[in-house]
Amino acid sequence: MTEHLSLTLTVPADHPAFPGHFPAQPILPGAALLDYAVLALEGALALTPGALNLVSAKFLAPVGPGSVLALDAAPARAGGWRCTIRDAAGSTVAQCELRFGDPKGAR
């Protein structure tokens, strides 16, 4: 298994969630941020979409249009991956844990 991955996530300035979330101060919804992270990690690991499932997430700072984020992922003790997402200044904006498969069938 890969020991550590560092990926770059770029949030499009014209993401469709921004106009409604929130017009005066656009913020990327947490679900969209996690979707970017999961898709990037699955792509980097050449996994089938849906192979990784969310176990936990913590949002620490807002993410705006055009943000360039660093996703750092390391294997979790229980299997899967622990991820930290940082902004360009190095501040943590989110953390999550992902595992392979989902016995409950949800994603």
Protein backbone atom coordinates (compact mmCIF):
# COMPACT_ATOMS: atom_id res chain seq x y z
CA MET A 1 0.00 0.00 0.00
CA THR A 2 1.15 3.53 -0.73
CA GLU A 3 2.51 5.16 2.42
CA HIS A 4 1.50 8.75 1.75
CA LEU A 5 -0.13 10.79 -0.99
CA SER A 6 -0.04 14.52 -1.63
CA LEU A 7 -2.56 15.83 -4.15
CA THR A 8 -3.68 19.24 -5.30
CA LEU A 9 -7.37 20.14 -5.45
CA THR A 10 -8.46 23.24 -7.35
CA VAL A 11 -11.94 24.57 -6.62
CA PRO A 12 -13.43 26.12 -9.76
CA ALA A 13 -14.44 29.73 -9.27
CA ASP A 14 -17.64 28.99 -11.20
CA HIS A 15 -18.67 25.92 -9.17
CA PRO A 16 -22.49 25.75 -9.31
CA ALA A 17 -22.83 25.66 -5.50
CA PHE A 18 -21.35 29.15 -5.00
CA PRO A 19 -24.26 31.34 -6.15
CA GLY A 20 -26.63 29.79 -3.63
CA HIS A 21 -24.12 29.08 -0.87
CA PHE A 22 -23.85 32.08 -0.09
CA PRO A 23 -24.28 34.92 -2.61
CA ALA A 24 -22.53 37.65 -0.58
CA GLN A 25 -19.74 35.35 0.61
CA PRO A 26 -19.49 32.16 -1.46
CA ILE A 27 -18.42 29.06 0.48
CA LEU A 28 -17.95 25.57 -0.93
CA PRO A 29 -20.33 23.18 0.85
CA GLY A 30 -18.55 20.53 2.92
CA ALA A 31 -20.15 17.73 0.89
CA ALA A 32 -18.66 19.15 -2.33
CA LEU A 33 -15.23 19.48 -0.70
CA LEU A 34 -15.35 15.86 0.47
CA ASP A 35 -16.48 14.74 -2.98
CA TYR A 36 -13.42 16.42 -4.53
CA ALA A 37 -11.16 14.72 -1.98
CA VAL A 38 -12.67 11.25 -2.43
CA LEU A 39 -12.62 11.45 -6.24
CA ALA A 40 -9.01 12.69 -6.24
CA LEU A 41 -7.86 9.93 -3.90
CA GLU A 42 -9.73 7.21 -5.81
CA GLY A 43 -8.19 8.50 -9.05
CA ALA A 44 -4.66 8.61 -7.62
CA LEU A 45 -5.03 5.05 -6.32
CA ALA A 46 -6.69 3.82 -9.54
CA LEU A 47 -9.74 2.68 -7.56
CA THR A 48 -13.24 2.19 -8.88
CA PRO A 49 -15.48 5.16 -8.06
CA GLY A 50 -17.28 4.37 -4.82
CA ALA A 51 -14.46 2.22 -3.44
CA LEU A 52 -13.85 4.68 -0.59
CA ASN A 53 -16.52 5.70 1.88
CA LEU A 54 -16.61 8.44 4.46
CA VAL A 55 -16.16 7.44 8.10
CA SER A 56 -15.78 10.89 9.64
CA ALA A 57 -15.21 14.51 8.66
CA LYS A 58 -14.34 17.73 10.43
CA PHE A 59 -14.55 21.15 8.78
CA LEU A 60 -12.30 23.81 10.25
CA ALA A 61 -12.36 26.74 7.81
CA PRO A 62 -14.39 27.90 4.80
CA VAL A 63 -13.23 27.27 1.23
CA GLY A 64 -13.96 29.92 -1.39
CA PRO A 65 -14.02 30.10 -5.19
CA GLY A 66 -10.73 29.44 -6.94
CA SER A 67 -9.05 27.95 -3.86
CA VAL A 68 -6.06 25.71 -4.44
CA LEU A 69 -5.91 23.09 -1.72
CA ALA A 70 -3.38 20.46 -0.68
CA LEU A 71 -4.76 17.04 0.18
CA ASP A 72 -2.41 14.92 2.28
CA ALA A 73 -3.49 11.30 2.79
CA ALA A 74 -1.89 8.58 4.88
CA PRO A 75 -3.05 5.03 5.58
CA ALA A 76 -5.33 4.79 8.63
CA ARG A 77 -4.71 2.19 11.33
CA ALA A 78 -8.11 0.61 10.78
CA GLY A 79 -7.63 0.48 7.00
CA GLY A 80 -8.47 3.16 4.48
CA TRP A 81 -7.04 6.69 4.61
CA ARG A 82 -6.82 9.68 6.95
CA CYS A 83 -6.85 12.95 5.02
CA THR A 84 -5.98 16.53 5.83
CA ILE A 85 -6.91 19.32 3.45
CA ARG A 86 -4.99 22.60 3.72
CA ASP A 87 -5.36 25.95 2.00
CA ALA A 88 -2.56 27.84 0.21
CA ALA A 89 -1.46 29.41 3.52
CA GLY A 90 -1.07 25.95 5.07
CA SER A 91 -4.08 26.22 7.37
CA THR A 92 -6.14 23.06 7.78
CA VAL A 93 -9.61 23.51 6.29
CA ALA A 94 -10.85 19.92 6.73
CA GLN A 95 -9.93 16.47 7.95
CA CYS A 96 -11.58 13.18 7.08
CA GLU A 97 -11.22 9.45 7.32
CA LEU A 98 -12.14 7.17 4.44
CA ARG A 99 -12.38 3.37 4.38
CA PHE A 100 -12.66 0.77 1.66
CA GLY A 101 -16.13 -0.55 0.96
CA ASP A 102 -19.23 0.02 3.04
CA PRO A 103 -21.03 -2.91 4.59
CA LYS A 104 -24.16 -0.76 4.93
CA GLY A 105 -24.21 -0.10 1.18
CA ALA A 106 -24.32 3.69 1.52
CA ARG A 107 -22.11 6.26 -0.05
